[in-house]
Amino acid sequence: MANTLLPVQTDERNTLIDILRGFALLGVLIANLTGFVTFALPDTAQQPLLSTPADQLTEMFVTLLVENKFITLFSLLFGYGFGVIIERAAAKGIPPNQFFTRRMAFLFGIGIVHLGIWWGEILSTYALCGALLLLFRKASNRTLLISGILLLFVVCPCIQALRWIFLPNASAQMDALLLKYFQAIKSGNILRIAKYNYKSADFFFLQRYSQIRDMAEILAKFLFGYYILRRGFLSNIPSIPTIKKTWLTCLAISLLYMAVSTYLFFSKNTHPALPARLLIFTFERLGILCLSATYALSLALLYYRYDKFRLFNYFRAVGRLSLTNYLTHTVFYVFIYYGIGLGLLGEIHLQWTVPLALLIYSFQVMFSAIWLKAMLYGPVEWVWRQVTYKKRLPLRRRRTLLPRSVAE
């Protein structure tokens, strides 16, 4: 049938996008593992784990080069993927809004369950912002770009300013919540952990408004990703003469951002006035976006010149199972940090989190490569696709049977 819509097949996939997704997942894993030390602990439990020079060097590395950069790249890729899915649906005569809403509803359900296990879950937020992205499906490229800029550099700073003005005691409330959360994780009581995870969602969304701010920021990055697809920046890099100028511009802003961030890192106990804090906050949004773009463009330029480099195959394998691998991260978090596993929350120094992330990622590379030799999709991706397309889809690859003389 002409209007039959099937998932993107292997030969239709944009290899570079899969590589970028796999690369982004490595950074997300590093950020989340370090976050269990730098964010998920009350100050009294956190400080001893940041005490050595190696810990402090790791903190600086993660702050400057990892924190928020790879989740930004992942957000840009989500917006890009939205455009691919919507355009394929429209080309096949399938109602795109219903199709994508069903897809986001399933993602939201996974996210809500996932939230009960881990406070850092972001899938439900992605699903909500993905649904809002449908409002821009027929918008012009100019509208996409301007809307993203307004959300990121006007709406987000305004929400942040309101939080600073009207929620001056938020830090004390956060410390109290973290102490209870720390105790819950160490206890290994899953129901108790889920209680504080859902309670923290209410705290961040309704009481501190930080989740609303983050949604505006994520939606902005989705719009930028959709704009990138519309302009063909990642599919036609060799033929776009301005791409290297874009890379150089992003690199220059990134270097300035890192210089400012380094200064702030070593003077982080200072408390500038509200206008200065707001200016820094806004510039950080720009710096994070540009550094993420620098990573993506650097990898893209390298790929188009050295596409046979084996590292790209590793990233691609992980990227093709991005949802499965992202959810698998949580299994490792539970095993390493929770009382139900090794119970090492509050005991692992920050310096060990990056090597640990690399070890976990290496396992995921091997798992993804082995899985994809026999299967078409990752296990979670397979279920997600069946719900989205409302049909049973094959999972195993079909083996091509060759004549005996050829096989020999």
Protein backbone atom coordinates (compact mmCIF):
# COMPACT_ATOMS: atom_id res chain seq x y z
CA MET A 1 0.00 0.00 0.00
CA ALA A 2 1.20 3.50 -0.80
CA ASN A 3 0.53 4.84 2.65
CA THR A 4 2.22 2.03 4.57
CA LEU A 5 4.71 3.56 6.98
CA LEU A 6 7.54 1.45 8.29
CA PRO A 7 10.46 2.32 10.59
CA VAL A 8 13.58 3.73 8.99
CA GLN A 9 15.46 0.76 7.56
CA THR A 10 19.20 0.22 7.95
CA ASP A 11 20.07 1.41 4.46
CA GLU A 12 17.95 4.56 4.92
CA ARG A 13 19.54 5.68 8.16
CA ASN A 14 21.83 8.67 8.35
CA THR A 15 25.01 7.02 9.62
CA LEU A 16 26.38 10.29 10.96
CA ILE A 17 23.30 10.84 13.14
CA ASP A 18 23.73 7.40 14.70
CA ILE A 19 27.41 8.17 15.34
CA LEU A 20 26.53 11.47 17.00
CA ARG A 21 23.90 9.77 19.17
CA GLY A 22 26.42 7.19 20.33
CA PHE A 23 28.97 9.90 21.06
CA ALA A 24 26.37 11.93 22.96
CA LEU A 25 25.45 8.91 25.10
CA LEU A 26 29.05 8.62 26.28
CA GLY A 27 28.98 12.21 27.53
CA VAL A 28 25.55 11.73 29.12
CA LEU A 29 26.87 8.67 30.98
CA ILE A 30 29.89 10.59 32.29
CA ALA A 31 27.72 13.53 33.36
CA ASN A 32 25.23 11.31 35.19
CA LEU A 33 27.83 9.18 36.97
CA THR A 34 29.64 12.30 38.19
CA GLY A 35 26.28 13.86 39.06
CA PHE A 36 25.80 11.23 41.75
CA VAL A 37 28.75 12.87 43.49
CA THR A 38 28.41 16.56 42.59
CA PHE A 39 24.62 16.88 42.71
CA ALA A 40 22.88 13.94 44.37
CA LEU A 41 24.66 14.25 47.71
CA PRO A 42 24.18 16.70 50.58
CA ASP A 43 27.21 18.96 51.16
CA THR A 44 28.43 17.02 54.19
CA ALA A 45 28.68 13.78 52.16
CA GLN A 46 29.92 15.47 48.99
CA GLN A 47 32.97 17.39 50.18
CA PRO A 48 35.18 14.40 51.17
CA LEU A 49 34.72 12.97 47.66
CA LEU A 50 36.08 16.16 46.06
CA SER A 51 39.10 16.50 48.33
CA THR A 52 42.04 15.29 46.21
CA PRO A 53 43.71 17.15 43.30
CA ALA A 54 42.52 14.39 40.95
CA ASP A 55 38.95 14.91 42.17
CA GLN A 56 39.19 18.65 41.59
CA LEU A 57 40.71 18.18 38.14
CA THR A 58 37.88 15.79 37.25
CA GLU A 59 35.31 18.28 38.52
CA MET A 60 36.81 21.01 36.35
CA PHE A 61 36.94 18.72 33.30
CA VAL A 62 33.31 17.68 33.69
CA THR A 63 32.11 21.23 34.42
CA LEU A 64 33.85 22.74 31.41
CA LEU A 65 33.60 20.02 28.78
CA VAL A 66 30.83 17.58 29.69
CA GLU A 67 28.10 18.96 31.95
CA ASN A 68 25.03 19.99 29.87
CA LYS A 69 26.99 19.74 26.60
CA PHE A 70 26.15 16.19 25.62
CA ILE A 71 22.51 16.34 26.70
CA THR A 72 22.33 19.48 24.53
CA LEU A 73 23.74 17.50 21.61
CA PHE A 74 21.20 14.77 22.31
CA SER A 75 18.41 17.38 22.30
CA LEU A 76 19.55 18.76 18.95
CA LEU A 77 19.53 15.23 17.54
CA PHE A 78 16.02 14.64 18.91
CA GLY A 79 14.77 17.68 17.02
CA TYR A 80 16.56 16.44 13.92
CA GLY A 81 14.99 12.99 14.28
CA PHE A 82 11.56 14.57 14.77
CA GLY A 83 11.88 16.18 11.36
CA VAL A 84 12.94 12.92 9.72
CA ILE A 85 9.97 11.02 11.18
CA ILE A 86 7.41 13.72 10.44
CA GLU A 87 8.57 14.20 6.85
CA ARG A 88 8.48 10.45 6.17
CA ALA A 89 4.98 10.20 7.63
CA ALA A 90 3.71 13.13 5.58
CA ALA A 91 5.28 11.73 2.40
CA LYS A 92 3.41 8.44 2.96
CA GLY A 93 0.07 10.16 3.55
CA ILE A 94 -0.02 9.23 7.26
CA PRO A 95 -1.45 11.88 9.66
CA PRO A 96 1.83 13.08 11.25
CA ASN A 97 0.29 14.61 14.39
CA GLN A 98 -1.49 11.43 15.48
CA PHE A 99 1.52 9.32 14.59
CA PHE A 100 4.04 11.39 16.55
CA THR A 101 1.67 11.97 19.50
CA ARG A 102 1.35 8.20 19.91
CA ARG A 103 5.12 7.94 19.80
CA MET A 104 5.54 10.61 22.48
CA ALA A 105 2.80 9.10 24.67
CA PHE A 106 4.72 5.82 24.84
CA LEU A 107 7.97 7.66 25.57
CA PHE A 108 6.23 9.61 28.34
CA GLY A 109 4.99 6.37 29.90
CA ILE A 110 8.49 4.90 29.89
CA GLY A 111 9.78 8.12 31.43
CA ILE A 112 7.26 8.13 34.28
CA VAL A 113 8.19 4.55 35.23
CA HIS A 114 11.88 5.35 34.84
CA LEU A 115 11.50 8.37 37.14
CA GLY A 116 10.53 6.06 39.99
CA ILE A 117 13.97 4.44 39.76
CA TRP A 118 16.18 7.45 39.04
CA TRP A 119 15.79 11.17 39.79
CA GLY A 120 17.77 12.24 36.70
CA GLU A 121 15.33 10.77 34.19
CA ILE A 122 14.60 13.05 31.22
CA LEU A 123 12.47 10.96 28.84
CA SER A 124 9.15 12.27 30.18
CA THR A 125 10.36 15.85 29.69
CA TYR A 126 11.51 15.00 26.16
CA ALA A 127 8.07 13.52 25.43
CA LEU A 128 6.26 16.67 26.60
CA CYS A 129 8.59 18.94 24.61
CA GLY A 130 8.33 16.61 21.62
CA ALA A 131 4.55 16.99 21.67
CA LEU A 132 4.96 20.79 21.76
CA LEU A 133 7.29 20.53 18.78
CA LEU A 134 4.28 19.53 16.67
CA LEU A 135 3.09 23.14 16.94
CA PHE A 136 6.05 24.12 14.75
CA ARG A 137 5.66 21.40 12.11
CA LYS A 138 4.48 23.82 9.43
CA ALA A 139 6.52 26.81 10.62
CA SER A 140 9.05 28.42 8.33
CA ASN A 141 12.77 27.99 8.88
CA ARG A 142 12.94 31.60 10.06
CA THR A 143 10.20 30.96 12.63
CA LEU A 144 11.98 27.86 13.92
CA LEU A 145 15.22 29.77 14.39
CA ILE A 146 13.69 32.87 15.99
CA SER A 147 11.46 30.80 18.31
CA GLY A 148 14.47 28.78 19.48
CA ILE A 149 16.49 31.93 20.13
CA LEU A 150 13.66 33.56 22.10
CA LEU A 151 13.09 30.46 24.21
CA LEU A 152 16.77 29.95 25.00
CA PHE A 153 17.96 33.52 25.46
CA VAL A 154 14.84 35.33 26.69
CA VAL A 155 12.35 32.90 28.26
CA CYS A 156 14.93 30.78 30.12
CA PRO A 157 16.78 33.77 31.68
CA CYS A 158 13.47 35.37 32.67
CA ILE A 159 12.33 32.21 34.48
CA GLN A 160 15.73 31.94 36.15
CA ALA A 161 15.57 35.58 37.28
CA LEU A 162 12.11 35.01 38.80
CA ARG A 163 13.45 31.99 40.67
CA TRP A 164 16.32 34.01 42.12
CA ILE A 165 13.98 36.81 43.18
CA PHE A 166 11.05 34.86 44.58
CA LEU A 167 12.72 31.62 45.75
CA PRO A 168 15.67 32.78 47.85
CA ASN A 169 15.53 29.76 50.18
CA ALA A 170 15.50 27.12 47.44
CA SER A 171 19.03 25.92 48.28
CA ALA A 172 18.13 25.07 51.87
CA GLN A 173 15.05 23.17 50.71
CA MET A 174 17.16 21.32 48.16
CA ASP A 175 19.71 20.26 50.78
CA ALA A 176 16.95 18.86 53.00
CA LEU A 177 15.49 16.89 50.07
CA LEU A 178 18.91 15.56 49.07
CA LEU A 179 19.60 14.32 52.59
CA LYS A 180 16.38 12.30 52.59
CA TYR A 181 17.10 11.06 49.08
CA PHE A 182 20.62 10.00 50.09
CA GLN A 183 19.23 8.05 53.03
CA ALA A 184 16.59 6.41 50.83
CA ILE A 185 19.15 5.22 48.24
CA LYS A 186 21.48 3.85 50.91
CA SER A 187 18.57 1.95 52.48
CA GLY A 188 17.96 0.03 49.26
CA ASN A 189 14.19 0.36 49.72
CA ILE A 190 12.90 0.78 46.15
CA LEU A 191 9.48 2.06 47.23
CA ARG A 192 11.10 4.67 49.45
CA ILE A 193 13.41 5.70 46.60
CA ALA A 194 10.47 6.00 44.20
CA LYS A 195 8.63 8.16 46.73
CA TYR A 196 11.45 10.70 46.89
CA ASN A 197 12.01 10.58 43.13
CA TYR A 198 8.40 11.56 42.46
CA LYS A 199 8.52 14.06 45.29
CA SER A 200 11.60 15.66 43.73
CA ALA A 201 9.75 15.96 40.41
CA ASP A 202 7.03 17.94 42.17
CA PHE A 203 9.70 20.04 43.89
CA PHE A 204 11.53 20.90 40.67
CA PHE A 205 8.41 21.46 38.56
CA LEU A 206 5.87 23.14 40.85
CA GLN A 207 7.92 24.58 43.69
CA ARG A 208 11.19 25.70 42.08
CA TYR A 209 10.02 26.09 38.44
CA SER A 210 13.41 24.79 37.29
CA GLN A 211 11.71 22.04 35.29
CA ILE A 212 9.63 24.63 33.43
CA ARG A 213 12.83 26.54 32.66
CA ASP A 214 14.49 23.34 31.47
CA MET A 215 11.51 22.52 29.24
CA ALA A 216 11.84 25.90 27.54
CA GLU A 217 15.54 25.23 27.01
CA ILE A 218 14.98 21.71 25.68
CA LEU A 219 12.24 22.85 23.30
CA ALA A 220 14.58 25.55 21.98
CA LYS A 221 17.23 22.93 21.23
CA PHE A 222 14.63 20.70 19.58
CA LEU A 223 13.76 23.61 17.31
CA PHE A 224 17.43 24.18 16.46
CA GLY A 225 17.75 20.46 15.61
CA TYR A 226 14.70 20.62 13.36
CA TYR A 227 16.15 23.73 11.71
CA ILE A 228 19.44 21.88 11.09
CA LEU A 229 17.53 19.11 9.30
CA ARG A 230 15.57 21.60 7.20
CA ARG A 231 18.80 23.29 6.10
CA GLY A 232 20.57 19.99 5.42
CA PHE A 233 23.63 20.93 7.49
CA LEU A 234 24.50 17.38 8.55
CA SER A 235 23.54 15.55 5.37
CA ASN A 236 25.42 17.80 2.91
CA ILE A 237 28.48 18.95 4.83
CA PRO A 238 30.95 18.57 1.94
CA SER A 239 28.77 20.76 -0.31
CA ILE A 240 28.09 23.59 2.17
CA PRO A 241 30.84 26.21 1.92
CA THR A 242 29.83 27.95 5.15
CA ILE A 243 30.17 24.88 7.38
CA LYS A 244 33.79 25.51 8.33
CA LYS A 245 33.00 29.16 9.09
CA THR A 246 30.20 27.94 11.36
CA TRP A 247 32.61 25.56 13.05
CA LEU A 248 35.19 28.31 13.57
CA THR A 249 32.56 30.69 14.96
CA CYS A 250 31.27 28.04 17.38
CA LEU A 251 34.83 27.17 18.39
CA ALA A 252 35.71 30.82 19.10
CA ILE A 253 32.62 31.29 21.29
CA SER A 254 33.33 27.95 23.00
CA LEU A 255 36.87 28.99 23.89
CA LEU A 256 35.58 32.27 25.34
CA TYR A 257 32.94 30.33 27.27
CA MET A 258 35.56 27.96 28.69
CA ALA A 259 37.76 30.90 29.72
CA VAL A 260 34.86 32.56 31.55
CA SER A 261 33.78 29.24 33.08
CA THR A 262 37.32 28.56 34.30
CA TYR A 263 37.37 31.93 36.03
CA LEU A 264 33.98 31.26 37.60
CA PHE A 265 35.05 27.76 38.64
CA PHE A 266 37.91 29.10 40.73
CA SER A 267 35.81 31.95 42.14
CA LYS A 268 32.62 29.92 42.64
CA ASN A 269 32.11 31.12 46.19
CA THR A 270 31.48 34.69 45.05
CA HIS A 271 27.90 35.99 44.71
CA PRO A 272 27.59 38.64 42.00
CA ALA A 273 24.61 40.98 41.80
CA LEU A 274 21.46 39.79 40.04
CA PRO A 275 22.13 41.55 36.68
CA ALA A 276 25.62 40.01 36.51
CA ARG A 277 24.28 36.56 37.45
CA LEU A 278 21.64 36.85 34.75
CA LEU A 279 24.22 37.89 32.15
CA ILE A 280 26.44 34.94 33.11
CA PHE A 281 23.48 32.56 32.97
CA THR A 282 22.52 33.76 29.48
CA PHE A 283 26.09 33.58 28.20
CA GLU A 284 26.41 30.04 29.59
CA ARG A 285 23.42 28.99 27.48
CA LEU A 286 25.18 30.33 24.41
CA GLY A 287 28.50 28.73 25.35
CA ILE A 288 26.96 25.32 26.03
CA LEU A 289 25.10 25.41 22.71
CA CYS A 290 28.21 26.43 20.77
CA LEU A 291 30.46 23.86 22.44
CA SER A 292 27.90 21.13 21.68
CA ALA A 293 27.79 22.31 18.06
CA THR A 294 31.59 22.32 17.96
CA TYR A 295 31.64 18.69 19.10
CA ALA A 296 29.05 17.71 16.48
CA LEU A 297 30.67 19.59 13.60
CA SER A 298 34.15 18.36 14.50
CA LEU A 299 32.95 14.76 14.52
CA ALA A 300 31.04 15.30 11.27
CA LEU A 301 34.03 16.79 9.46
CA LEU A 302 36.25 13.97 10.70
CA TYR A 303 33.70 11.38 9.61
CA TYR A 304 33.42 12.72 6.08
CA ARG A 305 37.20 12.60 5.76
CA TYR A 306 37.99 9.40 7.71
CA ASP A 307 34.73 7.45 7.54
CA LYS A 308 36.51 4.07 7.88
CA PHE A 309 37.94 4.93 11.30
CA ARG A 310 36.88 2.10 13.63
CA LEU A 311 35.82 4.41 16.46
CA PHE A 312 32.93 5.63 14.32
CA ASN A 313 31.57 2.06 14.15
CA TYR A 314 31.59 1.87 17.95
CA PHE A 315 29.67 5.13 18.29
CA ARG A 316 27.24 4.09 15.57
CA ALA A 317 26.42 0.75 17.21
CA VAL A 318 25.62 2.42 20.53
CA GLY A 319 23.68 5.19 18.78
CA ARG A 320 21.43 2.75 16.94
CA LEU A 321 20.36 1.37 20.34
CA SER A 322 20.24 4.79 21.97
CA LEU A 323 17.04 4.31 24.00
CA THR A 324 17.99 0.82 25.14
CA ASN A 325 21.48 1.96 26.12
CA TYR A 326 20.18 5.07 27.89
CA LEU A 327 17.83 2.96 30.02
CA THR A 328 20.59 0.42 30.64
CA HIS A 329 22.64 3.23 32.20
CA THR A 330 20.13 3.24 35.04
CA VAL A 331 20.74 -0.47 35.70
CA PHE A 332 24.40 0.37 36.29
CA TYR A 333 23.51 3.35 38.51
CA VAL A 334 21.32 1.13 40.66
CA PHE A 335 23.92 -1.62 40.87
CA ILE A 336 26.79 0.75 41.74
CA TYR A 337 25.18 3.37 43.96
CA TYR A 338 21.98 1.96 45.49
CA GLY A 339 21.76 -0.04 48.69
CA ILE A 340 20.07 -2.83 46.77
CA GLY A 341 23.35 -3.20 44.85
CA LEU A 342 26.87 -2.28 45.95
CA GLY A 343 25.62 0.75 47.90
CA LEU A 344 28.59 2.95 46.98
CA LEU A 345 26.77 6.30 46.91
CA GLY A 346 28.81 8.71 49.01
CA GLU A 347 31.90 6.49 48.89
CA ILE A 348 33.27 6.74 45.33
CA HIS A 349 35.60 9.70 44.78
CA LEU A 350 34.81 11.84 41.76
CA GLN A 351 38.10 10.91 40.03
CA TRP A 352 36.90 7.32 39.56
CA THR A 353 33.59 8.18 37.87
CA VAL A 354 35.08 8.93 34.42
CA PRO A 355 37.06 5.63 34.20
CA LEU A 356 33.93 3.86 35.43
CA ALA A 357 31.88 5.52 32.67
CA LEU A 358 34.41 4.42 30.04
CA LEU A 359 34.25 0.84 31.35
CA ILE A 360 30.44 0.80 31.19
CA TYR A 361 30.45 2.36 27.75
CA SER A 362 32.90 -0.28 26.50
CA PHE A 363 30.46 -2.94 27.65
CA GLN A 364 27.66 -1.19 25.79
CA VAL A 365 29.74 -1.00 22.61
CA MET A 366 30.28 -4.77 22.72
CA PHE A 367 26.65 -5.50 23.56
CA SER A 368 25.33 -3.21 20.81
CA ALA A 369 27.65 -4.64 18.15
CA ILE A 370 26.78 -8.25 19.03
CA TRP A 371 23.04 -7.50 19.24
CA LEU A 372 22.91 -5.75 15.86
CA LYS A 373 24.57 -8.68 14.11
CA ALA A 374 21.43 -10.72 14.73
CA MET A 375 18.71 -8.10 15.32
CA LEU A 376 17.29 -5.19 13.38
CA TYR A 377 16.51 -2.96 16.38
CA GLY A 378 17.35 -2.67 20.04
CA PRO A 379 14.86 -4.42 22.37
CA VAL A 380 13.26 -1.22 23.68
CA GLU A 381 13.35 0.39 20.22
CA TRP A 382 11.54 -2.66 18.84
CA VAL A 383 8.69 -2.36 21.34
CA TRP A 384 8.52 1.41 20.81
CA ARG A 385 8.26 0.98 17.04
CA GLN A 386 5.48 -1.59 17.32
CA VAL A 387 3.44 0.73 19.51
CA THR A 388 4.13 3.65 17.18
CA TYR A 389 3.34 1.84 13.94
CA LYS A 390 0.55 -0.30 15.45
CA LYS A 391 1.81 -3.47 13.81
CA ARG A 392 4.04 -6.40 14.66
CA LEU A 393 7.52 -5.90 13.23
CA PRO A 394 10.28 -8.47 12.75
CA LEU A 395 13.17 -8.29 15.19
CA ARG A 396 15.60 -10.89 13.88
CA ARG A 397 17.55 -10.29 10.72
CA ARG A 398 16.71 -12.57 7.83
CA ARG A 399 19.60 -14.71 6.73
CA THR A 400 20.13 -14.74 3.00
CA LEU A 401 20.48 -18.31 1.85
CA LEU A 402 23.13 -18.58 -0.90
CA PRO A 403 23.47 -21.48 -3.34
CA ARG A 404 25.83 -24.14 -2.04
CA SER A 405 28.49 -23.38 -4.68
CA VAL A 406 28.47 -19.67 -3.79
CA ALA A 407 28.56 -20.33 -0.07
CA GLU A 408 31.55 -22.57 -0.48
